[in-house]
Amino acid sequence: MKTREAARKMTYIGIGAGLVLFAVTGLLPGSLLGGVIGLTMAGSLFGHPVSSTLMPRLIVGMSMLGGVLVSAVIFIAGSASAGWLAGYMFDSLKAKHAVEAGPNSKY
């Protein structure tokens, strides 16, 4: 019998749930917040209002990409950690029940 089978399975379920949550609720806000941060950085470097030259566009685009990546990491890692924790607790309860039942029980 594998000892941490439920923890591994629940981790995968958490990763899947995190991907879905990220796609539904994290993609647009991550891009928005990253874009605002990029506009602020480009405005402080090149002056307000930000012109539409290449460097300010690159700064805003890279910060939007960074915002999306940070949002993805938070959603996916957070839900994978929660899934692993739930599976680990389930495995611990199952192992405790097996020890309490003993080797000669019906269970």
PDB file of N, CA and C in Angstrom:
ATOM      1  N   MET A   1       0.839  -1.185   0.000  1.00  0.00           N
ATOM      2  CA  MET A   1       0.000   0.000   0.000  1.00  0.00           C
ATOM      3  C   MET A   1       0.880   1.242   0.000  1.00  0.00           C
ATOM      4  N   LYS A   2       0.589   2.129  -0.882  1.00  0.00           N
ATOM      5  CA  LYS A   2       1.364   3.365  -0.952  1.00  0.00           C
ATOM      6  C   LYS A   2       0.905   4.304   0.150  1.00  0.00           C
ATOM      7  N   THR A   3       1.861   4.960   0.772  1.00  0.00           N
ATOM      8  CA  THR A   3       1.524   5.728   1.973  1.00  0.00           C
ATOM      9  C   THR A   3       0.967   7.115   1.661  1.00  0.00           C
ATOM     10  N   ARG A   4       1.405   7.784   0.642  1.00  0.00           N
ATOM     11  CA  ARG A   4       0.973   9.154   0.364  1.00  0.00           C
ATOM     12  C   ARG A   4       0.268   9.255  -0.983  1.00  0.00           C
ATOM     13  N   GLU A   5      -0.535   8.273  -1.303  1.00  0.00           N
ATOM     14  CA  GLU A   5      -1.232   8.258  -2.587  1.00  0.00           C
ATOM     15  C   GLU A   5      -2.288   9.362  -2.673  1.00  0.00           C
ATOM     16  N   ALA A   6      -3.055   9.570  -1.620  1.00  0.00           N
ATOM     17  CA  ALA A   6      -4.107  10.598  -1.642  1.00  0.00           C
ATOM     18  C   ALA A   6      -3.503  11.997  -1.717  1.00  0.00           C
ATOM     19  N   ALA A   7      -2.379  12.213  -1.069  1.00  0.00           N
ATOM     20  CA  ALA A   7      -1.740  13.529  -1.118  1.00  0.00           C
ATOM     21  C   ALA A   7      -1.298  13.855  -2.544  1.00  0.00           C
ATOM     22  N   ARG A   8      -0.769  12.876  -3.244  1.00  0.00           N
ATOM     23  CA  ARG A   8      -0.335  13.095  -4.624  1.00  0.00           C
ATOM     24  C   ARG A   8      -1.536  13.369  -5.532  1.00  0.00           C
ATOM     25  N   LYS A   9      -2.594  12.585  -5.371  1.00  0.00           N
ATOM     26  CA  LYS A   9      -3.780  12.785  -6.200  1.00  0.00           C
ATOM     27  C   LYS A   9      -4.450  14.124  -5.921  1.00  0.00           C
ATOM     28  N   MET A  10      -4.536  14.484  -4.660  1.00  0.00           N
ATOM     29  CA  MET A  10      -5.161  15.761  -4.316  1.00  0.00           C
ATOM     30  C   MET A  10      -4.318  16.946  -4.786  1.00  0.00           C
ATOM     31  N   THR A  11      -3.000  16.770  -4.866  1.00  0.00           N
ATOM     32  CA  THR A  11      -2.149  17.821  -5.417  1.00  0.00           C
ATOM     33  C   THR A  11      -2.479  18.060  -6.879  1.00  0.00           C
ATOM     34  N   TYR A  12      -2.652  16.975  -7.637  1.00  0.00           N
ATOM     35  CA  TYR A  12      -3.010  17.117  -9.046  1.00  0.00           C
ATOM     36  C   TYR A  12      -4.393  17.743  -9.216  1.00  0.00           C
ATOM     37  N   ILE A  13      -5.325  17.364  -8.362  1.00  0.00           N
ATOM     38  CA  ILE A  13      -6.649  17.965  -8.418  1.00  0.00           C
ATOM     39  C   ILE A  13      -6.560  19.456  -8.092  1.00  0.00           C
ATOM     40  N   GLY A  14      -5.726  19.821  -7.115  1.00  0.00           N
ATOM     41  CA  GLY A  14      -5.532  21.225  -6.769  1.00  0.00           C
ATOM     42  C   GLY A  14      -4.906  22.015  -7.902  1.00  0.00           C
ATOM     43  N   ILE A  15      -3.970  21.411  -8.610  1.00  0.00           N
ATOM     44  CA  ILE A  15      -3.350  22.097  -9.747  1.00  0.00           C
ATOM     45  C   ILE A  15      -4.389  22.349 -10.837  1.00  0.00           C
ATOM     46  N   GLY A  16      -5.212  21.356 -11.116  1.00  0.00           N
ATOM     47  CA  GLY A  16      -6.264  21.538 -12.115  1.00  0.00           C
ATOM     48  C   GLY A  16      -7.254  22.609 -11.718  1.00  0.00           C
ATOM     49  N   ALA A  17      -7.650  22.598 -10.450  1.00  0.00           N
ATOM     50  CA  ALA A  17      -8.583  23.622  -9.972  1.00  0.00           C
ATOM     51  C   ALA A  17      -7.934  25.007 -10.026  1.00  0.00           C
ATOM     52  N   GLY A  18      -6.647  25.085  -9.712  1.00  0.00           N
ATOM     53  CA  GLY A  18      -5.945  26.366  -9.783  1.00  0.00           C
ATOM     54  C   GLY A  18      -5.857  26.899 -11.199  1.00  0.00           C
ATOM     55  N   LEU A  19      -5.639  26.008 -12.172  1.00  0.00           N
ATOM     56  CA  LEU A  19      -5.612  26.441 -13.567  1.00  0.00           C
ATOM     57  C   LEU A  19      -6.966  26.986 -14.002  1.00  0.00           C
ATOM     58  N   VAL A  20      -8.031  26.306 -13.596  1.00  0.00           N
ATOM     59  CA  VAL A  20      -9.367  26.782 -13.959  1.00  0.00           C
ATOM     60  C   VAL A  20      -9.664  28.118 -13.286  1.00  0.00           C
ATOM     61  N   LEU A  21      -9.349  28.230 -11.999  1.00  0.00           N
ATOM     62  CA  LEU A  21      -9.576  29.493 -11.296  1.00  0.00           C
ATOM     63  C   LEU A  21      -8.762  30.628 -11.894  1.00  0.00           C
ATOM     64  N   PHE A  22      -7.530  30.329 -12.279  1.00  0.00           N
ATOM     65  CA  PHE A  22      -6.694  31.352 -12.902  1.00  0.00           C
ATOM     66  C   PHE A  22      -7.291  31.799 -14.225  1.00  0.00           C
ATOM     67  N   ALA A  23      -7.741  30.859 -15.030  1.00  0.00           N
ATOM     68  CA  ALA A  23      -8.299  31.217 -16.331  1.00  0.00           C
ATOM     69  C   ALA A  23      -9.579  32.022 -16.185  1.00  0.00           C
ATOM     70  N   VAL A  24     -10.375  31.710 -15.157  1.00  0.00           N
ATOM     71  CA  VAL A  24     -11.660  32.386 -14.991  1.00  0.00           C
ATOM     72  C   VAL A  24     -11.501  33.738 -14.297  1.00  0.00           C
ATOM     73  N   THR A  25     -10.713  33.775 -13.211  1.00  0.00           N
ATOM     74  CA  THR A  25     -10.699  34.990 -12.396  1.00  0.00           C
ATOM     75  C   THR A  25      -9.347  35.678 -12.286  1.00  0.00           C
ATOM     76  N   GLY A  26      -8.270  35.080 -12.739  1.00  0.00           N
ATOM     77  CA  GLY A  26      -6.965  35.671 -12.496  1.00  0.00           C
ATOM     78  C   GLY A  26      -6.291  36.298 -13.699  1.00  0.00           C
ATOM     79  N   LEU A  27      -6.693  35.926 -14.892  1.00  0.00           N
ATOM     80  CA  LEU A  27      -6.002  36.390 -16.091  1.00  0.00           C
ATOM     81  C   LEU A  27      -6.195  37.887 -16.324  1.00  0.00           C
ATOM     82  N   LEU A  28      -7.417  38.334 -16.323  1.00  0.00           N
ATOM     83  CA  LEU A  28      -7.694  39.743 -16.586  1.00  0.00           C
ATOM     84  C   LEU A  28      -7.192  40.668 -15.480  1.00  0.00           C
ATOM     85  N   PRO A  29      -7.441  40.372 -14.188  1.00  0.00           N
ATOM     86  CA  PRO A  29      -6.901  41.267 -13.150  1.00  0.00           C
ATOM     87  C   PRO A  29      -5.374  41.298 -13.110  1.00  0.00           C
ATOM     88  N   GLY A  30      -4.728  40.161 -13.392  1.00  0.00           N
ATOM     89  CA  GLY A  30      -3.262  40.162 -13.428  1.00  0.00           C
ATOM     90  C   GLY A  30      -2.726  41.052 -14.529  1.00  0.00           C
ATOM     91  N   SER A  31      -3.364  40.993 -15.684  1.00  0.00           N
ATOM     92  CA  SER A  31      -2.958  41.846 -16.798  1.00  0.00           C
ATOM     93  C   SER A  31      -3.235  43.312 -16.497  1.00  0.00           C
ATOM     94  N   LEU A  32      -4.369  43.589 -15.890  1.00  0.00           N
ATOM     95  CA  LEU A  32      -4.735  44.969 -15.559  1.00  0.00           C
ATOM     96  C   LEU A  32      -3.770  45.580 -14.546  1.00  0.00           C
ATOM     97  N   LEU A  33      -3.513  44.861 -13.468  1.00  0.00           N
ATOM     98  CA  LEU A  33      -2.610  45.395 -12.440  1.00  0.00           C
ATOM     99  C   LEU A  33      -1.182  45.524 -12.962  1.00  0.00           C
ATOM    100  N   GLY A  34      -0.741  44.562 -13.764  1.00  0.00           N
ATOM    101  CA  GLY A  34       0.580  44.670 -14.373  1.00  0.00           C
ATOM    102  C   GLY A  34       0.675  45.846 -15.322  1.00  0.00           C
ATOM    103  N   GLY A  35      -0.400  46.110 -16.069  1.00  0.00           N
ATOM    104  CA  GLY A  35      -0.408  47.256 -16.976  1.00  0.00           C
ATOM    105  C   GLY A  35      -0.368  48.580 -16.236  1.00  0.00           C
ATOM    106  N   VAL A  36      -1.074  48.662 -15.119  1.00  0.00           N
ATOM    107  CA  VAL A  36      -1.047  49.893 -14.325  1.00  0.00           C
ATOM    108  C   VAL A  36       0.346  50.131 -13.757  1.00  0.00           C
ATOM    109  N   ILE A  37       0.973  49.071 -13.272  1.00  0.00           N
ATOM    110  CA  ILE A  37       2.339  49.196 -12.754  1.00  0.00           C
ATOM    111  C   ILE A  37       3.291  49.602 -13.878  1.00  0.00           C
ATOM    112  N   GLY A  38       3.115  49.012 -15.064  1.00  0.00           N
ATOM    113  CA  GLY A  38       3.959  49.374 -16.209  1.00  0.00           C
ATOM    114  C   GLY A  38       3.763  50.813 -16.642  1.00  0.00           C
ATOM    115  N   LEU A  39       2.520  51.281 -16.645  1.00  0.00           N
ATOM    116  CA  LEU A  39       2.281  52.680 -17.001  1.00  0.00           C
ATOM    117  C   LEU A  39       2.900  53.631 -15.990  1.00  0.00           C
ATOM    118  N   THR A  40       2.838  53.246 -14.723  1.00  0.00           N
ATOM    119  CA  THR A  40       3.455  54.081 -13.691  1.00  0.00           C
ATOM    120  C   THR A  40       4.974  54.131 -13.871  1.00  0.00           C
ATOM    121  N   MET A  41       5.587  52.967 -14.138  1.00  0.00           N
ATOM    122  CA  MET A  41       7.042  52.940 -14.353  1.00  0.00           C
ATOM    123  C   MET A  41       7.435  53.713 -15.600  1.00  0.00           C
ATOM    124  N   ALA A  42       6.696  53.507 -16.706  1.00  0.00           N
ATOM    125  CA  ALA A  42       7.013  54.225 -17.946  1.00  0.00           C
ATOM    126  C   ALA A  42       6.789  55.721 -17.780  1.00  0.00           C
ATOM    127  N   GLY A  43       5.758  56.103 -17.024  1.00  0.00           N
ATOM    128  CA  GLY A  43       5.516  57.529 -16.784  1.00  0.00           C
ATOM    129  C   GLY A  43       6.606  58.162 -15.957  1.00  0.00           C
ATOM    130  N   SER A  44       7.144  57.429 -14.997  1.00  0.00           N
ATOM    131  CA  SER A  44       8.217  57.998 -14.184  1.00  0.00           C
ATOM    132  C   SER A  44       9.533  58.068 -14.953  1.00  0.00           C
ATOM    133  N   LEU A  45       9.727  57.159 -15.897  1.00  0.00           N
ATOM    134  CA  LEU A  45      10.972  57.185 -16.682  1.00  0.00           C
ATOM    135  C   LEU A  45      10.911  58.167 -17.854  1.00  0.00           C
ATOM    136  N   PHE A  46       9.764  58.221 -18.545  1.00  0.00           N
ATOM    137  CA  PHE A  46       9.674  59.003 -19.776  1.00  0.00           C
ATOM    138  C   PHE A  46       8.761  60.217 -19.662  1.00  0.00           C
ATOM    139  N   GLY A  47       8.137  60.424 -18.516  1.00  0.00           N
ATOM    140  CA  GLY A  47       7.266  61.576 -18.322  1.00  0.00           C
ATOM    141  C   GLY A  47       5.824  61.276 -18.683  1.00  0.00           C
ATOM    142  N   HIS A  48       4.944  62.004 -18.001  1.00  0.00           N
ATOM    143  CA  HIS A  48       3.511  61.851 -18.258  1.00  0.00           C
ATOM    144  C   HIS A  48       3.067  62.906 -19.243  1.00  0.00           C
ATOM    145  N   PRO A  49       2.170  62.713 -20.116  1.00  0.00           N
ATOM    146  CA  PRO A  49       1.561  61.449 -20.512  1.00  0.00           C
ATOM    147  C   PRO A  49       2.570  60.588 -21.267  1.00  0.00           C
ATOM    148  N   VAL A  50       2.381  59.285 -21.159  1.00  0.00           N
ATOM    149  CA  VAL A  50       3.310  58.334 -21.769  1.00  0.00           C
ATOM    150  C   VAL A  50       3.095  58.338 -23.274  1.00  0.00           C
ATOM    151  N   SER A  51       4.194  58.512 -24.004  1.00  0.00           N
ATOM    152  CA  SER A  51       4.098  58.502 -25.461  1.00  0.00           C
ATOM    153  C   SER A  51       3.995  57.057 -25.962  1.00  0.00           C
ATOM    154  N   SER A  52       3.703  56.893 -27.232  1.00  0.00           N
ATOM    155  CA  SER A  52       3.531  55.557 -27.794  1.00  0.00           C
ATOM    156  C   SER A  52       4.772  55.091 -28.553  1.00  0.00           C
ATOM    157  N   THR A  53       5.947  55.397 -28.021  1.00  0.00           N
ATOM    158  CA  THR A  53       7.179  54.918 -28.639  1.00  0.00           C
ATOM    159  C   THR A  53       7.460  53.491 -28.172  1.00  0.00           C
ATOM    160  N   LEU A  54       8.558  52.945 -28.643  1.00  0.00           N
ATOM    161  CA  LEU A  54       8.839  51.527 -28.425  1.00  0.00           C
ATOM    162  C   LEU A  54       9.136  51.185 -26.965  1.00  0.00           C
ATOM    163  N   MET A  55       9.971  51.955 -26.304  1.00  0.00           N
ATOM    164  CA  MET A  55      10.377  51.612 -24.935  1.00  0.00           C
ATOM    165  C   MET A  55       9.220  51.638 -23.933  1.00  0.00           C
ATOM    166  N   PRO A  56       8.379  52.659 -23.921  1.00  0.00           N
ATOM    167  CA  PRO A  56       7.237  52.594 -22.995  1.00  0.00           C
ATOM    168  C   PRO A  56       6.296  51.424 -23.281  1.00  0.00           C
ATOM    169  N   ARG A  57       6.121  51.095 -24.547  1.00  0.00           N
ATOM    170  CA  ARG A  57       5.278  49.945 -24.889  1.00  0.00           C
ATOM    171  C   ARG A  57       5.896  48.649 -24.389  1.00  0.00           C
ATOM    172  N   LEU A  58       7.202  48.518 -24.527  1.00  0.00           N
ATOM    173  CA  LEU A  58       7.877  47.314 -24.026  1.00  0.00           C
ATOM    174  C   LEU A  58       7.768  47.209 -22.509  1.00  0.00           C
ATOM    175  N   ILE A  59       7.929  48.329 -21.836  1.00  0.00           N
ATOM    176  CA  ILE A  59       7.830  48.314 -20.372  1.00  0.00           C
ATOM    177  C   ILE A  59       6.427  47.902 -19.934  1.00  0.00           C
ATOM    178  N   VAL A  60       5.415  48.475 -20.558  1.00  0.00           N
ATOM    179  CA  VAL A  60       4.035  48.147 -20.194  1.00  0.00           C
ATOM    180  C   VAL A  60       3.720  46.692 -20.542  1.00  0.00           C
ATOM    181  N   GLY A  61       4.149  46.241 -21.699  1.00  0.00           N
ATOM    182  CA  GLY A  61       3.898  44.857 -22.103  1.00  0.00           C
ATOM    183  C   GLY A  61       4.583  43.845 -21.201  1.00  0.00           C
ATOM    184  N   MET A  62       5.830  44.121 -20.834  1.00  0.00           N
ATOM    185  CA  MET A  62       6.552  43.190 -19.958  1.00  0.00           C
ATOM    186  C   MET A  62       5.954  43.178 -18.552  1.00  0.00           C
ATOM    187  N   SER A  63       5.500  44.326 -18.090  1.00  0.00           N
ATOM    188  CA  SER A  63       4.884  44.339 -16.760  1.00  0.00           C
ATOM    189  C   SER A  63       3.514  43.659 -16.783  1.00  0.00           C
ATOM    190  N   MET A  64       2.786  43.735 -17.886  1.00  0.00           N
ATOM    191  CA  MET A  64       1.527  42.999 -18.003  1.00  0.00           C
ATOM    192  C   MET A  64       1.784  41.500 -17.991  1.00  0.00           C
ATOM    193  N   LEU A  65       2.801  41.075 -18.719  1.00  0.00           N
ATOM    194  CA  LEU A  65       3.174  39.660 -18.713  1.00  0.00           C
ATOM    195  C   LEU A  65       3.601  39.216 -17.319  1.00  0.00           C
ATOM    196  N   GLY A  66       4.346  40.055 -16.625  1.00  0.00           N
ATOM    197  CA  GLY A  66       4.745  39.742 -15.254  1.00  0.00           C
ATOM    198  C   GLY A  66       3.555  39.642 -14.316  1.00  0.00           C
ATOM    199  N   GLY A  67       2.583  40.531 -14.476  1.00  0.00           N
ATOM    200  CA  GLY A  67       1.377  40.471 -13.658  1.00  0.00           C
ATOM    201  C   GLY A  67       0.588  39.201 -13.883  1.00  0.00           C
ATOM    202  N   VAL A  68       0.493  38.764 -15.132  1.00  0.00           N
ATOM    203  CA  VAL A  68      -0.206  37.518 -15.445  1.00  0.00           C
ATOM    204  C   VAL A  68       0.543  36.331 -14.856  1.00  0.00           C
ATOM    205  N   LEU A  69       1.870  36.325 -14.950  1.00  0.00           N
ATOM    206  CA  LEU A  69       2.654  35.208 -14.413  1.00  0.00           C
ATOM    207  C   LEU A  69       2.571  35.140 -12.888  1.00  0.00           C
ATOM    208  N   VAL A  70       2.608  36.286 -12.228  1.00  0.00           N
ATOM    209  CA  VAL A  70       2.488  36.298 -10.773  1.00  0.00           C
ATOM    210  C   VAL A  70       1.110  35.809 -10.353  1.00  0.00           C
ATOM    211  N   SER A  71       0.083  36.231 -11.068  1.00  0.00           N
ATOM    212  CA  SER A  71      -1.269  35.767 -10.772  1.00  0.00           C
ATOM    213  C   SER A  71      -1.381  34.256 -10.970  1.00  0.00           C
ATOM    214  N   ALA A  72      -0.781  33.734 -12.026  1.00  0.00           N
ATOM    215  CA  ALA A  72      -0.816  32.290 -12.280  1.00  0.00           C
ATOM    216  C   ALA A  72      -0.106  31.524 -11.176  1.00  0.00           C
ATOM    217  N   VAL A  73       1.039  32.004 -10.754  1.00  0.00           N
ATOM    218  CA  VAL A  73       1.786  31.317  -9.697  1.00  0.00           C
ATOM    219  C   VAL A  73       0.986  31.303  -8.403  1.00  0.00           C
ATOM    220  N   ILE A  74       0.367  32.418  -8.076  1.00  0.00           N
ATOM    221  CA  ILE A  74      -0.410  32.488  -6.839  1.00  0.00           C
ATOM    222  C   ILE A  74      -1.593  31.532  -6.885  1.00  0.00           C
ATOM    223  N   PHE A  75      -2.351  31.546  -7.971  1.00  0.00           N
ATOM    224  CA  PHE A  75      -3.517  30.668  -8.061  1.00  0.00           C
ATOM    225  C   PHE A  75      -3.119  29.202  -8.089  1.00  0.00           C
ATOM    226  N   ILE A  76      -2.152  28.841  -8.924  1.00  0.00           N
ATOM    227  CA  ILE A  76      -1.812  27.433  -9.102  1.00  0.00           C
ATOM    228  C   ILE A  76      -1.071  26.886  -7.889  1.00  0.00           C
ATOM    229  N   ALA A  77      -0.091  27.625  -7.382  1.00  0.00           N
ATOM    230  CA  ALA A  77       0.657  27.135  -6.220  1.00  0.00           C
ATOM    231  C   ALA A  77      -0.221  27.104  -4.969  1.00  0.00           C
ATOM    232  N   GLY A  78      -1.085  28.086  -4.821  1.00  0.00           N
ATOM    233  CA  GLY A  78      -1.963  28.107  -3.656  1.00  0.00           C
ATOM    234  C   GLY A  78      -2.943  26.952  -3.644  1.00  0.00           C
ATOM    235  N   SER A  79      -3.565  26.678  -4.773  1.00  0.00           N
ATOM    236  CA  SER A  79      -4.525  25.580  -4.806  1.00  0.00           C
ATOM    237  C   SER A  79      -3.833  24.229  -4.767  1.00  0.00           C
ATOM    238  N   ALA A  80      -2.629  24.113  -5.336  1.00  0.00           N
ATOM    239  CA  ALA A  80      -1.882  22.852  -5.230  1.00  0.00           C
ATOM    240  C   ALA A  80      -1.471  22.597  -3.786  1.00  0.00           C
ATOM    241  N   SER A  81      -1.078  23.637  -3.080  1.00  0.00           N
ATOM    242  CA  SER A  81      -0.720  23.484  -1.664  1.00  0.00           C
ATOM    243  C   SER A  81      -1.925  23.091  -0.827  1.00  0.00           C
ATOM    244  N   ALA A  82      -3.070  23.701  -1.109  1.00  0.00           N
ATOM    245  CA  ALA A  82      -4.289  23.349  -0.378  1.00  0.00           C
ATOM    246  C   ALA A  82      -4.703  21.911  -0.672  1.00  0.00           C
ATOM    247  N   GLY A  83      -4.585  21.483  -1.921  1.00  0.00           N
ATOM    248  CA  GLY A  83      -4.906  20.101  -2.271  1.00  0.00           C
ATOM    249  C   GLY A  83      -3.960  19.118  -1.620  1.00  0.00           C
ATOM    250  N   TRP A  84      -2.666  19.443  -1.607  1.00  0.00           N
ATOM    251  CA  TRP A  84      -1.697  18.558  -0.961  1.00  0.00           C
ATOM    252  C   TRP A  84      -1.978  18.450   0.532  1.00  0.00           C
ATOM    253  N   LEU A  85      -2.297  19.568   1.151  1.00  0.00           N
ATOM    254  CA  LEU A  85      -2.586  19.565   2.588  1.00  0.00           C
ATOM    255  C   LEU A  85      -3.820  18.719   2.895  1.00  0.00           C
ATOM    256  N   ALA A  86      -4.859  18.848   2.083  1.00  0.00           N
ATOM    257  CA  ALA A  86      -6.063  18.043   2.289  1.00  0.00           C
ATOM    258  C   ALA A  86      -5.762  16.558   2.100  1.00  0.00           C
ATOM    259  N   GLY A  87      -4.997  16.215   1.081  1.00  0.00           N
ATOM    260  CA  GLY A  87      -4.631  14.818   0.856  1.00  0.00           C
ATOM    261  C   GLY A  87      -3.732  14.271   1.948  1.00  0.00           C
ATOM    262  N   TYR A  88      -2.844  15.081   2.439  1.00  0.00           N
ATOM    263  CA  TYR A  88      -1.945  14.660   3.518  1.00  0.00           C
ATOM    264  C   TYR A  88      -2.739  14.402   4.796  1.00  0.00           C
ATOM    265  N   MET A  89      -3.705  15.276   5.076  1.00  0.00           N
ATOM    266  CA  MET A  89      -4.539  15.063   6.252  1.00  0.00           C
ATOM    267  C   MET A  89      -5.377  13.797   6.100  1.00  0.00           C
ATOM    268  N   PHE A  90      -5.906  13.551   4.909  1.00  0.00           N
ATOM    269  CA  PHE A  90      -6.678  12.344   4.649  1.00  0.00           C
ATOM    270  C   PHE A  90      -5.808  11.100   4.830  1.00  0.00           C
ATOM    271  N   ASP A  91      -4.583  11.135   4.311  1.00  0.00           N
ATOM    272  CA  ASP A  91      -3.659  10.003   4.481  1.00  0.00           C
ATOM    273  C   ASP A  91      -3.316   9.781   5.945  1.00  0.00           C
ATOM    274  N   SER A  92      -3.129  10.857   6.686  1.00  0.00           N
ATOM    275  CA  SER A  92      -2.795  10.733   8.101  1.00  0.00           C
ATOM    276  C   SER A  92      -3.952  10.121   8.880  1.00  0.00           C
ATOM    277  N   LEU A  93      -5.172  10.548   8.592  1.00  0.00           N
ATOM    278  CA  LEU A  93      -6.335   9.968   9.259  1.00  0.00           C
ATOM    279  C   LEU A  93      -6.511   8.501   8.887  1.00  0.00           C
ATOM    280  N   LYS A  94      -6.244   8.163   7.632  1.00  0.00           N
ATOM    281  CA  LYS A  94      -6.360   6.775   7.195  1.00  0.00           C
ATOM    282  C   LYS A  94      -5.302   5.902   7.865  1.00  0.00           C
ATOM    283  N   ALA A  95      -4.086   6.407   7.983  1.00  0.00           N
ATOM    284  CA  ALA A  95      -3.018   5.650   8.643  1.00  0.00           C
ATOM    285  C   ALA A  95      -3.309   5.496  10.133  1.00  0.00           C
ATOM    286  N   LYS A  96      -3.848   6.537  10.757  1.00  0.00           N
ATOM    287  CA  LYS A  96      -4.188   6.462  12.182  1.00  0.00           C
ATOM    288  C   LYS A  96      -5.285   5.434  12.409  1.00  0.00           C
ATOM    289  N   HIS A  97      -6.267   5.394  11.520  1.00  0.00           N
ATOM    290  CA  HIS A  97      -7.351   4.429  11.641  1.00  0.00           C
ATOM    291  C   HIS A  97      -6.819   3.006  11.453  1.00  0.00           C
ATOM    292  N   ALA A  98      -5.881   2.829  10.540  1.00  0.00           N
ATOM    293  CA  ALA A  98      -5.309   1.502  10.302  1.00  0.00           C
ATOM    294  C   ALA A  98      -4.496   1.042  11.511  1.00  0.00           C
ATOM    295  N   VAL A  99      -3.805   1.950  12.195  1.00  0.00           N
ATOM    296  CA  VAL A  99      -3.012   1.589  13.375  1.00  0.00           C
ATOM    297  C   VAL A  99      -3.929   1.251  14.539  1.00  0.00           C
ATOM    298  N   GLU A 100      -5.007   2.033  14.714  1.00  0.00           N
ATOM    299  CA  GLU A 100      -5.936   1.769  15.809  1.00  0.00           C
ATOM    300  C   GLU A 100      -6.686   0.462  15.609  1.00  0.00           C
ATOM    301  N   ALA A 101      -6.980   0.095  14.379  1.00  0.00           N
ATOM    302  CA  ALA A 101      -7.724  -1.124  14.116  1.00  0.00           C
ATOM    303  C   ALA A 101      -6.892  -2.367  14.404  1.00  0.00           C
ATOM    304  N   GLY A 102      -5.587  -2.271  14.182  1.00  0.00           N
ATOM    305  CA  GLY A 102      -4.710  -3.384  14.468  1.00  0.00           C
ATOM    306  C   GLY A 102      -4.657  -4.385  13.319  1.00  0.00           C
ATOM    307  N   PRO A 103      -3.711  -5.312  13.364  1.00  0.00           N
ATOM    308  CA  PRO A 103      -3.536  -6.239  12.256  1.00  0.00           C
ATOM    309  C   PRO A 103      -4.602  -7.346  12.209  1.00  0.00           C
ATOM    310  N   ASN A 104      -5.292  -7.648  13.329  1.00  0.00           N
ATOM    311  CA  ASN A 104      -6.242  -8.757  13.371  1.00  0.00           C
ATOM    312  C   ASN A 104      -7.694  -8.316  13.250  1.00  0.00           C
ATOM    313  N   SER A 105      -7.936  -7.071  12.864  1.00  0.00           N
ATOM    314  CA  SER A 105      -9.308  -6.587  12.766  1.00  0.00           C
ATOM    315  C   SER A 105      -9.867  -6.854  11.379  1.00  0.00           C
ATOM    316  N   LYS A 106     -11.169  -6.657  11.223  1.00  0.00           N
ATOM    317  CA  LYS A 106     -11.829  -6.882   9.945  1.00  0.00           C
ATOM    318  C   LYS A 106     -11.555  -5.765   8.950  1.00  0.00           C
ATOM    319  N   TYR A 107     -11.114  -4.634   9.390  1.00  0.00           N
ATOM    320  CA  TYR A 107     -10.981  -3.475   8.519  1.00  0.00           C
ATOM    321  C   TYR A 107      -9.734  -3.541   7.750  1.00  0.00           C
TER     322      TYR A 107
END
